[in-house]
């Protein structure tokens, strides 16, 4: 049984190594300036398939094709702006990490600020509502406490008026009969 497990593991490792080969593309530039432009552009352009990687970081087939297109257009002498416009025409504004300010991209530019303002307003309303309800509860409990104190005080006063205090009886006896 050990013999079988050993060979099964060897075959599994051998077969899985075929899936690990990655394509490495090497571009030979006519001068160093073109290579710098290429590196800058593939850093600035987004991979449409990966969606969150730039072309330089992506190994997707589409990204490799786009790198080849960028390389060819740089070697043809096109400007960076022309290359970006060419790719935007085919893949839309999504290919750029810096979408232009136009009505179709307003949500990208202003959406976070709108949601931040709505969230701030909601938090303000919640906090003020809680403060008002806490004040209302305190006011109501203070009113109930005040009513209870008044009731107790009035009970004390009415009881004291019905029964003369010991001080009042002592003084009337000392003075004698009224003249």
N, C-alpha and C. Protein backbone atom coordinates (compact mmCIF):
# COMPACT_ATOMS: atom_id res chain seq x y z
N UNK A 1 0.82 -1.20 0.00
CA UNK A 1 0.00 0.00 0.00
C UNK A 1 0.86 1.26 0.00
N UNK A 2 1.98 1.23 0.74
CA UNK A 2 2.87 2.39 0.76
C UNK A 2 3.44 2.66 -0.63
N UNK A 3 3.72 1.57 -1.34
CA UNK A 3 4.28 1.70 -2.68
C UNK A 3 3.30 2.43 -3.60
N UNK A 4 2.03 2.08 -3.50
CA UNK A 4 1.00 2.71 -4.32
C UNK A 4 0.84 4.19 -3.96
N UNK A 5 0.82 4.53 -2.69
CA UNK A 5 0.69 5.93 -2.25
C UNK A 5 1.87 6.76 -2.74
N UNK A 6 3.06 6.17 -2.69
CA UNK A 6 4.27 6.89 -3.13
C UNK A 6 4.16 7.23 -4.61
N UNK A 7 3.81 6.27 -5.45
CA UNK A 7 3.72 6.52 -6.88
C UNK A 7 2.53 7.42 -7.23
N UNK A 8 1.46 7.32 -6.50
CA UNK A 8 0.32 8.20 -6.74
C UNK A 8 0.72 9.65 -6.45
N UNK A 9 1.51 9.86 -5.40
CA UNK A 9 1.98 11.21 -5.07
C UNK A 9 2.94 11.72 -6.14
N UNK A 10 3.83 10.89 -6.63
CA UNK A 10 4.78 11.29 -7.67
C UNK A 10 4.04 11.68 -8.94
N UNK A 11 3.05 10.88 -9.33
CA UNK A 11 2.29 11.18 -10.55
C UNK A 11 1.49 12.47 -10.37
N UNK A 12 0.90 12.66 -9.20
CA UNK A 12 0.13 13.88 -8.93
C UNK A 12 1.02 15.12 -9.03
N UNK A 13 2.21 15.08 -8.45
CA UNK A 13 3.13 16.22 -8.49
C UNK A 13 3.59 16.46 -9.92
N UNK A 14 3.86 15.41 -10.66
CA UNK A 14 4.31 15.57 -12.05
C UNK A 14 3.22 16.21 -12.91
N UNK A 15 1.99 15.76 -12.74
CA UNK A 15 0.90 16.30 -13.55
C UNK A 15 0.55 17.73 -13.15
N UNK A 16 0.63 18.04 -11.88
CA UNK A 16 0.28 19.40 -11.45
C UNK A 16 1.34 20.41 -11.85
N UNK A 17 2.56 19.98 -12.11
CA UNK A 17 3.60 20.93 -12.51
C UNK A 17 3.35 21.46 -13.92
N UNK A 18 2.59 20.73 -14.75
CA UNK A 18 2.30 21.21 -16.10
C UNK A 18 1.40 22.44 -16.06
N UNK A 19 0.55 22.55 -15.06
CA UNK A 19 -0.37 23.69 -14.95
C UNK A 19 0.34 24.93 -14.41
N UNK A 20 1.53 24.79 -13.90
CA UNK A 20 2.20 25.92 -13.26
C UNK A 20 3.06 26.74 -14.20
N UNK A 21 3.13 26.36 -15.48
CA UNK A 21 3.98 27.15 -16.36
C UNK A 21 3.25 28.44 -16.75
N UNK A 22 3.94 29.53 -16.64
CA UNK A 22 3.36 30.83 -16.96
C UNK A 22 4.11 31.43 -18.14
N UNK A 23 3.40 32.17 -18.94
CA UNK A 23 4.02 32.77 -20.11
C UNK A 23 4.71 34.07 -19.69
N UNK A 24 5.93 34.19 -20.06
CA UNK A 24 6.69 35.40 -19.79
C UNK A 24 6.97 36.06 -21.13
N UNK A 25 6.48 37.24 -21.28
CA UNK A 25 6.70 37.94 -22.54
C UNK A 25 7.86 38.91 -22.39
N UNK A 26 8.72 38.88 -23.36
CA UNK A 26 9.89 39.76 -23.34
C UNK A 26 9.78 40.65 -24.58
N UNK A 27 9.80 41.94 -24.33
CA UNK A 27 9.71 42.89 -25.42
C UNK A 27 11.08 43.53 -25.63
N UNK A 28 11.50 43.60 -26.88
CA UNK A 28 12.78 44.23 -27.20
C UNK A 28 12.49 45.60 -27.81
N UNK A 29 12.86 46.62 -27.07
CA UNK A 29 12.56 47.99 -27.48
C UNK A 29 13.71 48.55 -28.30
N UNK A 30 13.36 49.51 -29.17
CA UNK A 30 14.38 50.13 -30.02
C UNK A 30 15.24 51.11 -29.23
N UNK A 31 14.67 51.69 -28.15
CA UNK A 31 15.47 52.57 -27.30
C UNK A 31 14.93 52.56 -25.86
N UNK A 32 15.67 53.14 -24.96
CA UNK A 32 15.31 53.12 -23.54
C UNK A 32 14.08 53.97 -23.25
N UNK A 33 13.89 55.04 -24.01
CA UNK A 33 12.72 55.90 -23.80
C UNK A 33 11.42 55.15 -24.06
N UNK A 34 11.42 54.33 -25.11
CA UNK A 34 10.22 53.54 -25.41
C UNK A 34 9.93 52.54 -24.30
N UNK A 35 10.99 51.98 -23.73
CA UNK A 35 10.80 51.04 -22.62
C UNK A 35 10.21 51.74 -21.40
N UNK A 36 10.68 52.95 -21.10
CA UNK A 36 10.13 53.72 -19.98
C UNK A 36 8.67 54.06 -20.22
N UNK A 37 8.34 54.48 -21.45
CA UNK A 37 6.95 54.79 -21.78
C UNK A 37 6.07 53.55 -21.63
N UNK A 38 6.56 52.41 -22.11
CA UNK A 38 5.82 51.16 -22.00
C UNK A 38 5.55 50.82 -20.54
N UNK A 39 6.58 50.89 -19.71
CA UNK A 39 6.42 50.57 -18.29
C UNK A 39 5.44 51.52 -17.61
N UNK A 40 5.49 52.79 -17.97
CA UNK A 40 4.55 53.77 -17.41
C UNK A 40 3.11 53.46 -17.84
N UNK A 41 2.92 53.17 -19.13
CA UNK A 41 1.56 52.90 -19.63
C UNK A 41 0.97 51.63 -19.04
N UNK A 42 1.75 50.56 -18.93
CA UNK A 42 1.17 49.32 -18.40
C UNK A 42 0.91 49.45 -16.90
N UNK A 43 1.54 50.41 -16.24
CA UNK A 43 1.22 50.69 -14.84
C UNK A 43 -0.08 51.49 -14.73
N UNK A 44 -0.34 52.35 -15.70
CA UNK A 44 -1.51 53.24 -15.67
C UNK A 44 -2.78 52.61 -16.23
N UNK A 45 -2.64 51.56 -17.03
CA UNK A 45 -3.81 50.95 -17.65
C UNK A 45 -4.26 49.73 -16.86
N UNK A 46 -5.56 49.58 -16.73
CA UNK A 46 -6.17 48.51 -15.94
C UNK A 46 -6.47 47.31 -16.83
N UNK A 47 -6.32 46.13 -16.28
CA UNK A 47 -6.66 44.90 -17.00
C UNK A 47 -8.18 44.73 -16.97
N UNK A 48 -8.82 44.66 -18.13
CA UNK A 48 -10.29 44.51 -18.14
C UNK A 48 -10.77 43.19 -17.55
N UNK A 49 -9.94 42.18 -17.58
CA UNK A 49 -10.35 40.89 -17.05
C UNK A 49 -10.15 40.83 -15.53
N UNK A 50 -9.00 41.30 -15.06
CA UNK A 50 -8.69 41.22 -13.62
C UNK A 50 -9.43 42.31 -12.83
N UNK A 51 -9.71 43.41 -13.45
CA UNK A 51 -10.49 44.53 -12.93
C UNK A 51 -9.82 45.33 -11.83
N UNK A 52 -8.92 44.75 -11.09
CA UNK A 52 -8.28 45.54 -10.05
C UNK A 52 -6.77 45.52 -10.16
N UNK A 53 -6.26 44.91 -11.19
CA UNK A 53 -4.82 44.89 -11.44
C UNK A 53 -4.52 45.74 -12.66
N UNK A 54 -3.35 46.32 -12.66
CA UNK A 54 -2.94 47.00 -13.87
C UNK A 54 -2.35 45.96 -14.83
N UNK A 55 -2.05 46.39 -16.05
CA UNK A 55 -1.54 45.45 -17.05
C UNK A 55 -0.20 44.87 -16.63
N UNK A 56 0.61 45.64 -15.92
CA UNK A 56 1.93 45.17 -15.51
C UNK A 56 1.83 44.02 -14.51
N UNK A 57 0.83 44.03 -13.66
CA UNK A 57 0.70 43.01 -12.62
C UNK A 57 -0.12 41.81 -13.04
N UNK A 58 -0.76 41.87 -14.19
CA UNK A 58 -1.66 40.81 -14.61
C UNK A 58 -0.97 39.84 -15.56
N UNK A 59 -1.26 38.56 -15.38
CA UNK A 59 -0.76 37.53 -16.29
C UNK A 59 -1.89 36.93 -17.12
N UNK A 60 -3.04 37.57 -17.13
CA UNK A 60 -4.17 37.08 -17.92
C UNK A 60 -3.82 37.18 -19.40
N UNK A 61 -4.44 36.32 -20.18
CA UNK A 61 -4.18 36.33 -21.62
C UNK A 61 -4.52 37.66 -22.26
N UNK A 62 -5.64 38.26 -21.83
CA UNK A 62 -6.04 39.56 -22.37
C UNK A 62 -5.02 40.63 -22.03
N UNK A 63 -4.48 40.58 -20.82
CA UNK A 63 -3.47 41.56 -20.42
C UNK A 63 -2.21 41.41 -21.25
N UNK A 64 -1.83 40.18 -21.54
CA UNK A 64 -0.65 39.96 -22.39
C UNK A 64 -0.89 40.50 -23.80
N UNK A 65 -2.11 40.31 -24.31
CA UNK A 65 -2.45 40.86 -25.63
C UNK A 65 -2.40 42.39 -25.61
N UNK A 66 -2.92 42.99 -24.55
CA UNK A 66 -2.91 44.45 -24.46
C UNK A 66 -1.49 44.99 -24.32
N UNK A 67 -0.64 44.27 -23.61
CA UNK A 67 0.77 44.68 -23.51
C UNK A 67 1.42 44.65 -24.89
N UNK A 68 1.09 43.64 -25.67
CA UNK A 68 1.64 43.54 -27.02
C UNK A 68 1.15 44.70 -27.88
N UNK A 69 -0.13 45.04 -27.75
CA UNK A 69 -0.68 46.18 -28.51
C UNK A 69 0.03 47.46 -28.10
N UNK A 70 0.21 47.67 -26.81
CA UNK A 70 0.90 48.88 -26.32
C UNK A 70 2.32 48.91 -26.87
N UNK A 71 3.01 47.79 -26.81
CA UNK A 71 4.39 47.70 -27.32
C UNK A 71 4.44 48.06 -28.79
N UNK A 72 3.55 47.45 -29.59
CA UNK A 72 3.55 47.70 -31.03
C UNK A 72 3.27 49.16 -31.35
N UNK A 73 2.32 49.76 -30.64
CA UNK A 73 1.99 51.15 -30.92
C UNK A 73 3.10 52.09 -30.49
N UNK A 74 3.79 51.76 -29.41
CA UNK A 74 4.93 52.59 -29.00
C UNK A 74 6.02 52.52 -30.07
N UNK A 75 6.27 51.32 -30.56
CA UNK A 75 7.30 51.15 -31.58
C UNK A 75 6.90 51.81 -32.90
N UNK A 76 5.58 51.95 -33.14
CA UNK A 76 5.11 52.65 -34.34
C UNK A 76 5.26 54.15 -34.21
N UNK A 77 5.52 54.64 -33.01
CA UNK A 77 5.73 56.07 -32.81
C UNK A 77 4.50 56.82 -32.34
N UNK A 78 3.48 56.14 -31.90
CA UNK A 78 2.27 56.82 -31.41
C UNK A 78 2.53 57.39 -30.02
N UNK A 79 1.81 58.46 -29.70
CA UNK A 79 1.96 59.09 -28.39
C UNK A 79 1.19 58.30 -27.33
N UNK A 80 1.50 58.59 -26.08
CA UNK A 80 0.81 57.92 -24.98
C UNK A 80 -0.69 58.21 -25.03
N UNK A 81 -1.04 59.44 -25.34
CA UNK A 81 -2.45 59.82 -25.41
C UNK A 81 -3.16 59.06 -26.51
N UNK A 82 -2.52 58.89 -27.66
CA UNK A 82 -3.13 58.14 -28.76
C UNK A 82 -3.34 56.67 -28.38
N UNK A 83 -2.38 56.11 -27.67
CA UNK A 83 -2.49 54.71 -27.26
C UNK A 83 -3.63 54.53 -26.27
N UNK A 84 -3.71 55.44 -25.30
CA UNK A 84 -4.79 55.36 -24.30
C UNK A 84 -6.14 55.54 -24.96
N UNK A 85 -6.27 56.49 -25.88
CA UNK A 85 -7.53 56.71 -26.60
C UNK A 85 -7.91 55.49 -27.43
N UNK A 86 -6.92 54.84 -28.05
CA UNK A 86 -7.17 53.63 -28.83
C UNK A 86 -7.76 52.54 -27.93
N UNK A 87 -7.17 52.35 -26.76
CA UNK A 87 -7.66 51.32 -25.85
C UNK A 87 -9.00 51.69 -25.23
N UNK A 88 -9.21 52.98 -24.95
CA UNK A 88 -10.50 53.42 -24.41
C UNK A 88 -11.62 53.22 -25.43
N UNK A 89 -11.30 53.40 -26.70
CA UNK A 89 -12.31 53.21 -27.74
C UNK A 89 -12.76 51.75 -27.78
N UNK A 90 -11.88 50.83 -27.46
CA UNK A 90 -12.23 49.41 -27.51
C UNK A 90 -12.74 48.85 -26.19
N UNK A 91 -12.23 49.37 -25.06
CA UNK A 91 -12.58 48.80 -23.75
C UNK A 91 -13.31 49.78 -22.83
N UNK A 92 -13.54 50.98 -23.29
CA UNK A 92 -14.26 51.96 -22.48
C UNK A 92 -13.35 52.66 -21.47
N UNK A 93 -13.96 53.53 -20.67
CA UNK A 93 -13.21 54.30 -19.68
C UNK A 93 -12.68 53.43 -18.55
N UNK A 94 -13.19 52.23 -18.45
CA UNK A 94 -12.78 51.34 -17.36
C UNK A 94 -11.30 50.99 -17.44
N UNK A 95 -10.74 51.02 -18.63
CA UNK A 95 -9.34 50.61 -18.78
C UNK A 95 -8.38 51.59 -18.13
N UNK A 96 -8.85 52.80 -17.87
CA UNK A 96 -8.01 53.82 -17.25
C UNK A 96 -8.30 53.90 -15.75
N UNK A 97 -7.24 54.05 -14.97
CA UNK A 97 -7.42 54.25 -13.53
C UNK A 97 -7.88 55.67 -13.24
N UNK A 98 -7.82 56.55 -14.23
CA UNK A 98 -8.26 57.94 -14.07
C UNK A 98 -9.36 58.23 -15.09
N UNK A 99 -10.60 57.84 -14.77
CA UNK A 99 -11.67 58.08 -15.72
C UNK A 99 -11.95 59.58 -15.87
N UNK A 100 -12.38 60.00 -17.07
CA UNK A 100 -12.66 61.42 -17.29
C UNK A 100 -13.91 61.87 -16.54
N UNK A 101 -14.00 63.16 -16.29
CA UNK A 101 -15.18 63.72 -15.61
C UNK A 101 -16.23 64.03 -16.66
N UNK A 102 -17.23 63.16 -16.76
CA UNK A 102 -18.35 63.34 -17.68
C UNK A 102 -19.58 62.71 -17.05
N UNK A 103 -20.77 63.00 -17.56
CA UNK A 103 -21.99 62.51 -16.90
C UNK A 103 -22.02 61.01 -16.61
N UNK A 104 -21.43 60.22 -17.47
CA UNK A 104 -21.47 58.77 -17.23
C UNK A 104 -20.53 58.34 -16.10
N UNK A 105 -19.60 59.21 -15.70
CA UNK A 105 -18.68 58.86 -14.61
C UNK A 105 -18.90 59.71 -13.36
N UNK A 106 -19.98 60.48 -13.33
CA UNK A 106 -20.24 61.30 -12.13
C UNK A 106 -20.37 60.46 -10.87
N UNK A 107 -20.97 59.28 -11.00
CA UNK A 107 -21.15 58.44 -9.81
C UNK A 107 -19.79 58.04 -9.23
N UNK A 108 -18.82 57.85 -10.09
CA UNK A 108 -17.47 57.50 -9.62
C UNK A 108 -16.82 58.67 -8.90
N UNK A 109 -16.99 59.85 -9.46
CA UNK A 109 -16.34 61.04 -8.90
C UNK A 109 -17.06 61.60 -7.68
N UNK A 110 -18.39 61.67 -7.74
CA UNK A 110 -19.14 62.34 -6.68
C UNK A 110 -19.90 61.41 -5.75
N UNK A 111 -20.06 60.16 -6.15
CA UNK A 111 -20.80 59.19 -5.35
C UNK A 111 -20.30 59.05 -3.92
N UNK A 112 -18.99 58.89 -3.71
CA UNK A 112 -18.51 58.76 -2.34
C UNK A 112 -18.85 59.96 -1.46
N UNK A 113 -18.77 61.16 -2.02
CA UNK A 113 -19.08 62.36 -1.24
C UNK A 113 -20.57 62.44 -0.91
N UNK A 114 -21.40 62.04 -1.86
CA UNK A 114 -22.85 62.04 -1.62
C UNK A 114 -23.19 61.05 -0.51
N UNK A 115 -22.63 59.84 -0.60
CA UNK A 115 -22.90 58.84 0.43
C UNK A 115 -22.34 59.26 1.78
N UNK A 116 -21.20 59.93 1.78
CA UNK A 116 -20.62 60.44 3.03
C UNK A 116 -21.54 61.50 3.64
N UNK A 117 -22.07 62.39 2.82
CA UNK A 117 -22.99 63.42 3.33
C UNK A 117 -24.28 62.79 3.86
N UNK A 118 -24.83 61.82 3.14
CA UNK A 118 -26.04 61.15 3.60
C UNK A 118 -25.78 60.44 4.92
N UNK A 119 -24.65 59.75 5.02
CA UNK A 119 -24.30 59.06 6.26
C UNK A 119 -24.11 60.03 7.41
N UNK A 120 -23.45 61.16 7.16
CA UNK A 120 -23.25 62.16 8.20
C UNK A 120 -24.57 62.74 8.68
N UNK A 121 -25.47 63.01 7.73
CA UNK A 121 -26.79 63.54 8.10
C UNK A 121 -27.57 62.52 8.91
N UNK A 122 -27.50 61.24 8.51
CA UNK A 122 -28.21 60.19 9.24
C UNK A 122 -27.67 60.05 10.66
N UNK A 123 -26.36 60.09 10.80
CA UNK A 123 -25.76 60.00 12.14
C UNK A 123 -26.17 61.20 12.99
N UNK A 124 -26.19 62.40 12.40
CA UNK A 124 -26.60 63.61 13.12
C UNK A 124 -28.04 63.46 13.61
N UNK A 125 -28.93 62.99 12.73
CA UNK A 125 -30.34 62.83 13.11
C UNK A 125 -30.50 61.79 14.21
N UNK A 126 -29.78 60.69 14.12
CA UNK A 126 -29.87 59.63 15.14
C UNK A 126 -29.39 60.15 16.49
N UNK A 127 -28.26 60.86 16.49
CA UNK A 127 -27.70 61.37 17.75
C UNK A 127 -28.63 62.40 18.38
N UNK A 128 -29.16 63.32 17.58
CA UNK A 128 -30.06 64.33 18.15
C UNK A 128 -31.36 63.69 18.63
N UNK A 129 -31.85 62.68 17.92
CA UNK A 129 -33.08 61.99 18.36
C UNK A 129 -32.84 61.29 19.69
N UNK A 130 -31.68 60.68 19.85
CA UNK A 130 -31.38 60.01 21.12
C UNK A 130 -31.23 61.01 22.25
N UNK A 131 -30.60 62.15 21.97
CA UNK A 131 -30.46 63.17 23.01
C UNK A 131 -31.82 63.71 23.42
N UNK A 132 -32.68 63.96 22.44
CA UNK A 132 -34.02 64.47 22.74
C UNK A 132 -34.83 63.46 23.53
N UNK A 133 -34.73 62.19 23.19
CA UNK A 133 -35.49 61.18 23.93
C UNK A 133 -34.93 61.03 25.34
N UNK A 134 -33.62 61.15 25.50
CA UNK A 134 -33.03 61.08 26.84
C UNK A 134 -33.48 62.27 27.68
N UNK A 135 -33.52 63.46 27.07
CA UNK A 135 -33.98 64.64 27.80
C UNK A 135 -35.45 64.50 28.16
N UNK A 136 -36.27 63.95 27.25
CA UNK A 136 -37.69 63.76 27.51
C UNK A 136 -37.87 62.78 28.67
N UNK A 137 -37.11 61.72 28.68
CA UNK A 137 -37.21 60.74 29.76
C UNK A 137 -36.82 61.39 31.08
N UNK A 138 -35.72 62.15 31.06
CA UNK A 138 -35.30 62.84 32.29
C UNK A 138 -36.34 63.84 32.74
N UNK A 139 -36.93 64.58 31.83
CA UNK A 139 -37.95 65.56 32.18
C UNK A 139 -39.18 64.87 32.76
N UNK A 140 -39.61 63.79 32.13
CA UNK A 140 -40.77 63.06 32.62
C UNK A 140 -40.49 62.46 33.99
N UNK A 141 -39.31 61.89 34.18
CA UNK A 141 -39.01 61.30 35.49
C UNK A 141 -38.85 62.40 36.54
N UNK A 142 -38.31 63.55 36.14
CA UNK A 142 -38.21 64.67 37.09
C UNK A 142 -39.60 65.17 37.46
N UNK A 143 -40.51 65.21 36.49
CA UNK A 143 -41.88 65.66 36.77
C UNK A 143 -42.58 64.68 37.71
N UNK A 144 -42.38 63.39 37.47
CA UNK A 144 -42.97 62.38 38.35
C UNK A 144 -42.38 62.49 39.75
N UNK A 145 -41.06 62.67 39.82
CA UNK A 145 -40.42 62.84 41.13
C UNK A 145 -40.93 64.10 41.83
N UNK A 146 -41.10 65.18 41.09
CA UNK A 146 -41.58 66.42 41.68
C UNK A 146 -43.01 66.26 42.18
N UNK A 147 -43.86 65.57 41.40
CA UNK A 147 -45.24 65.34 41.84
C UNK A 147 -45.26 64.48 43.10
N UNK A 148 -44.40 63.48 43.16
CA UNK A 148 -44.35 62.63 44.35
C UNK A 148 -43.87 63.43 45.56
N UNK A 149 -42.90 64.31 45.34
CA UNK A 149 -42.40 65.13 46.45
C UNK A 149 -43.48 66.08 46.94
N UNK A 150 -44.23 66.69 46.01
CA UNK A 150 -45.31 67.60 46.39
C UNK A 150 -46.38 66.84 47.16
N UNK A 151 -46.71 65.64 46.70
CA UNK A 151 -47.73 64.84 47.39
C UNK A 151 -47.25 64.50 48.80
N UNK A 152 -46.00 64.09 48.93
CA UNK A 152 -45.47 63.78 50.27
C UNK A 152 -45.45 65.02 51.15
N UNK A 153 -45.05 66.13 50.60
CA UNK A 153 -44.99 67.38 51.38
C UNK A 153 -46.38 67.80 51.82
N UNK A 154 -47.36 67.69 50.88
CA UNK A 154 -48.73 68.08 51.26
C UNK A 154 -49.28 67.12 52.32
N UNK A 155 -48.93 65.84 52.24
CA UNK A 155 -49.35 64.90 53.29
C UNK A 155 -48.72 65.28 54.62
N UNK A 156 -47.44 65.63 54.59
CA UNK A 156 -46.75 66.02 55.82
C UNK A 156 -47.37 67.29 56.41
N UNK A 157 -47.68 68.25 55.55
CA UNK A 157 -48.26 69.51 56.01
C UNK A 157 -49.65 69.27 56.59
N UNK A 158 -50.45 68.49 55.90
CA UNK A 158 -51.81 68.25 56.40
C UNK A 158 -51.77 67.46 57.71
N UNK A 159 -50.84 66.54 57.85
CA UNK A 159 -50.71 65.79 59.10
C UNK A 159 -50.26 66.72 60.24
N UNK A 160 -49.36 67.62 59.94
CA UNK A 160 -48.85 68.49 61.00
C UNK A 160 -49.91 69.52 61.41
N UNK A 161 -50.80 69.88 60.54
CA UNK A 161 -51.84 70.83 60.92
C UNK A 161 -52.91 70.15 61.76
N UNK A 162 -53.15 68.90 61.58
CA UNK A 162 -54.15 68.19 62.36
C UNK A 162 -53.66 67.94 63.78
N UNK A 163 -52.42 67.61 63.93
CA UNK A 163 -51.87 67.31 65.26
C UNK A 163 -50.93 68.44 65.65
N UNK A 164 -51.22 69.07 66.73
CA UNK A 164 -50.30 70.13 67.15
C UNK A 164 -48.99 69.50 67.60
N UNK A 165 -47.95 70.21 67.36
CA UNK A 165 -46.64 69.69 67.74
C UNK A 165 -46.45 69.83 69.23
N UNK A 166 -45.52 69.12 69.77
CA UNK A 166 -45.27 69.14 71.22
C UNK A 166 -44.74 70.50 71.65
N UNK A 167 -44.08 71.21 70.76
CA UNK A 167 -43.56 72.54 71.10
C UNK A 167 -44.71 73.52 71.32
N UNK A 168 -45.75 73.42 70.49
CA UNK A 168 -46.88 74.35 70.63
C UNK A 168 -47.65 74.09 71.91
N UNK A 169 -47.83 72.87 72.34
CA UNK A 169 -48.57 72.58 73.58
C UNK A 169 -47.78 73.01 74.79
N UNK A 170 -46.48 72.91 74.73
CA UNK A 170 -45.65 73.29 75.87
C UNK A 170 -45.69 74.80 76.09
N UNK A 171 -45.67 75.56 75.07
CA UNK A 171 -45.65 77.01 75.24
C UNK A 171 -47.00 77.55 75.71
N UNK A 172 -48.09 76.93 75.28
CA UNK A 172 -49.40 77.42 75.70
C UNK A 172 -49.64 77.12 77.18
N UNK A 173 -49.09 76.06 77.68
CA UNK A 173 -49.27 75.73 79.09
C UNK A 173 -48.46 76.66 79.97
N UNK A 174 -47.28 77.07 79.49
CA UNK A 174 -46.41 77.91 80.30
C UNK A 174 -46.98 79.34 80.43
N UNK A 175 -47.65 79.80 79.41
CA UNK A 175 -48.14 81.17 79.45
C UNK A 175 -49.37 81.32 80.36
N UNK A 176 -50.06 80.26 80.55
CA UNK A 176 -51.23 80.35 81.41
C UNK A 176 -52.46 80.74 80.64
N UNK A 177 -53.53 81.07 81.35
CA UNK A 177 -54.76 81.42 80.66
C UNK A 177 -54.62 82.77 79.97
N UNK A 178 -55.30 82.87 78.90
CA UNK A 178 -55.24 84.11 78.12
C UNK A 178 -55.94 85.22 78.84
N UNK A 179 -55.44 86.35 78.77
CA UNK A 179 -56.00 87.48 79.49
C UNK A 179 -56.84 88.34 78.66
